[in-house]
Amino acid sequence: MPRSAAAFPILPGSPLKHLRPPPGLTPAEKQLFVDIVVDHRPEHFKLTDGVLLVAYVRAVLDEREAAQHLESEGKVTADNKLSPWLAIRTQSQKTLLSFARALRLGPLGRAPSRASRPQPLKPSQTLSYYDRMNLERDDEASEGDGAA
């Protein structure tokens, strides 16, 4: 029995939509969010992945900040105690690993061992500069939908 066109989430011939960054992100969070989203096929992330992706982005930025502090200040403080940034970096790295697995990011997400895993974008499938700018743009009309 043939399916109606309404049974398909994306109609043939229609452009696929990337997950849009939610409102309220800092510029650094938004930049990293968009970098991750455009590096994957549009169907890789679902609307419900947005919350987890934001948490992943924040863990990445926390890890980077902790690494910068550790590099400039060292792992041991002046009073011969371990820097609190060491614990922050360690916890951020654990969080990153957990979120990367859940979001299928990194080498395991690209592994061809399972046909159901999304494949990374080919160079011919990347967004144009204008499509990326449109994705990064803040406009009130798209704040509630979470999709491009």
Protein backbone atom coordinates (compact mmCIF):
# COMPACT_ATOMS: atom_id res chain seq x y z
CA MET A 1 0.00 0.00 0.00
CA PRO A 2 1.58 3.35 -1.00
CA ARG A 3 2.29 5.87 1.70
CA SER A 4 1.05 9.41 1.51
CA ALA A 5 3.57 12.24 1.28
CA ALA A 6 2.55 13.31 4.80
CA ALA A 7 4.02 10.06 6.18
CA PHE A 8 7.55 11.23 5.32
CA PRO A 9 9.23 13.76 7.60
CA ILE A 10 11.08 15.37 4.69
CA LEU A 11 9.58 15.39 1.23
CA PRO A 12 11.74 14.30 -1.70
CA GLY A 13 13.37 17.29 -3.33
CA SER A 14 12.97 19.53 -0.28
CA PRO A 15 16.16 20.86 1.30
CA LEU A 16 17.18 19.13 4.52
CA LYS A 17 17.34 21.39 7.54
CA HIS A 18 20.18 21.57 10.03
CA LEU A 19 19.55 21.93 13.73
CA ARG A 20 19.67 25.61 14.67
CA PRO A 21 21.42 26.87 17.80
CA PRO A 22 18.94 27.75 20.52
CA PRO A 23 18.65 31.33 21.77
CA GLY A 24 20.67 32.32 24.81
CA LEU A 25 24.02 30.83 23.83
CA THR A 26 27.18 32.88 24.19
CA PRO A 27 28.98 33.71 20.94
CA ALA A 28 31.61 31.02 21.64
CA GLU A 29 28.91 28.42 22.40
CA LYS A 30 26.97 29.35 19.29
CA GLN A 31 30.07 29.18 17.08
CA LEU A 32 31.01 25.71 18.35
CA PHE A 33 27.39 24.50 18.10
CA VAL A 34 27.22 25.56 14.45
CA ASP A 35 30.67 24.10 13.72
CA ILE A 36 29.52 20.71 15.00
CA VAL A 37 26.12 20.79 13.29
CA VAL A 38 27.42 21.75 9.85
CA ASP A 39 30.10 19.06 10.05
CA HIS A 40 27.37 16.40 9.98
CA ARG A 41 24.56 15.50 7.65
CA PRO A 42 21.34 17.44 8.29
CA GLU A 43 19.53 14.28 9.44
CA HIS A 44 22.26 13.40 12.00
CA PHE A 45 20.81 15.62 14.74
CA LYS A 46 17.16 15.60 15.70
CA LEU A 47 15.41 18.50 17.42
CA THR A 48 15.56 16.63 20.74
CA ASP A 49 19.37 16.36 20.47
CA GLY A 50 19.66 20.13 20.91
CA VAL A 51 19.78 20.03 24.71
CA LEU A 52 22.45 17.34 24.74
CA LEU A 53 24.45 19.14 22.06
CA VAL A 54 24.40 22.38 24.09
CA ALA A 55 25.66 20.47 27.14
CA TYR A 56 28.42 18.94 24.98
CA VAL A 57 29.42 22.38 23.67
CA ARG A 58 29.60 23.77 27.21
CA ALA A 59 31.73 20.82 28.35
CA VAL A 60 34.12 21.45 25.44
CA LEU A 61 34.47 25.11 26.40
CA ASP A 62 34.93 24.23 30.09
CA GLU A 63 37.69 21.77 29.17
CA ARG A 64 39.41 24.38 27.00
CA GLU A 65 39.27 26.98 29.77
CA ALA A 66 40.64 24.54 32.34
CA ALA A 67 43.45 23.53 29.99
CA GLN A 68 44.40 27.19 29.46
CA HIS A 69 44.52 27.82 33.22
CA LEU A 70 46.58 24.69 33.81
CA GLU A 71 49.04 25.69 31.10
CA SER A 72 49.49 29.22 32.42
CA GLU A 73 49.28 28.51 36.18
CA GLY A 74 50.56 24.94 36.40
CA LYS A 75 49.02 21.85 37.98
CA VAL A 76 50.29 22.65 41.47
CA THR A 77 49.38 25.87 43.28
CA ALA A 78 51.78 28.04 45.29
CA ASP A 79 50.80 26.21 48.50
CA ASN A 80 51.74 22.81 46.96
CA LYS A 81 48.16 21.67 46.37
CA LEU A 82 46.67 20.41 43.13
CA SER A 83 45.03 23.12 41.07
CA PRO A 84 41.21 23.04 41.15
CA TRP A 85 41.37 23.40 37.37
CA LEU A 86 42.72 19.85 37.19
CA ALA A 87 39.46 18.48 38.60
CA ILE A 88 37.43 20.69 36.27
CA ARG A 89 39.39 19.48 33.24
CA THR A 90 39.08 15.83 34.28
CA GLN A 91 35.32 16.11 34.83
CA SER A 92 34.85 17.98 31.54
CA GLN A 93 36.74 15.27 29.66
CA LYS A 94 34.53 12.55 31.18
CA THR A 95 31.44 14.54 30.26
CA LEU A 96 32.73 15.07 26.71
CA LEU A 97 33.29 11.37 26.22
CA SER A 98 29.81 10.52 27.45
CA PHE A 99 28.09 13.15 25.29
CA ALA A 100 30.20 12.30 22.23
CA ARG A 101 29.05 8.68 22.46
CA ALA A 102 25.41 9.69 22.89
CA LEU A 103 25.56 12.12 19.96
CA ARG A 104 27.69 9.76 17.81
CA LEU A 105 30.46 12.28 17.37
CA GLY A 106 34.05 11.46 16.58
CA PRO A 107 35.57 8.30 15.10
CA LEU A 108 33.03 5.90 16.58
CA GLY A 109 30.19 7.84 14.99
CA ARG A 110 31.90 7.57 11.60
CA ALA A 111 32.71 3.86 11.85
CA PRO A 112 31.04 1.92 9.02
CA SER A 113 30.39 -1.08 11.28
CA ARG A 114 26.65 -0.38 11.47
CA ALA A 115 24.55 0.74 8.55
CA SER A 116 22.30 2.78 10.87
CA ARG A 117 25.08 5.17 11.87
CA PRO A 118 25.04 8.54 10.14
CA GLN A 119 27.99 9.14 7.84
CA PRO A 120 30.02 12.37 7.88
CA LEU A 121 29.51 14.96 5.19
CA LYS A 122 31.40 14.73 1.94
CA PRO A 123 33.05 17.97 0.76
CA SER A 124 30.36 18.40 -1.88
CA GLN A 125 27.65 18.32 0.81
CA THR A 126 29.01 21.11 3.00
CA LEU A 127 27.03 24.28 3.46
CA SER A 128 27.77 27.38 1.47
CA TYR A 129 28.96 30.47 3.29
CA TYR A 130 25.48 31.99 2.95
CA ASP A 131 23.72 28.90 4.29
CA ARG A 132 26.06 28.92 7.29
CA MET A 133 25.44 32.63 7.90
CA ASN A 134 21.70 31.97 7.74
CA LEU A 135 22.08 29.21 10.32
CA GLU A 136 24.06 31.49 12.65
CA ARG A 137 21.69 34.43 12.24
CA ASP A 138 19.51 35.39 15.19
CA ASP A 139 15.95 35.98 14.10
CA GLU A 140 12.87 35.91 16.27
CA ALA A 141 10.86 33.97 13.70
CA SER A 142 12.99 30.84 14.12
CA GLU A 143 13.72 30.94 17.86
CA GLY A 144 10.93 28.58 18.77
CA ASP A 145 11.39 25.91 16.13
CA GLY A 146 15.03 24.85 16.65
CA ALA A 147 15.51 23.91 12.99
CA ALA A 148 16.95 25.76 10.04
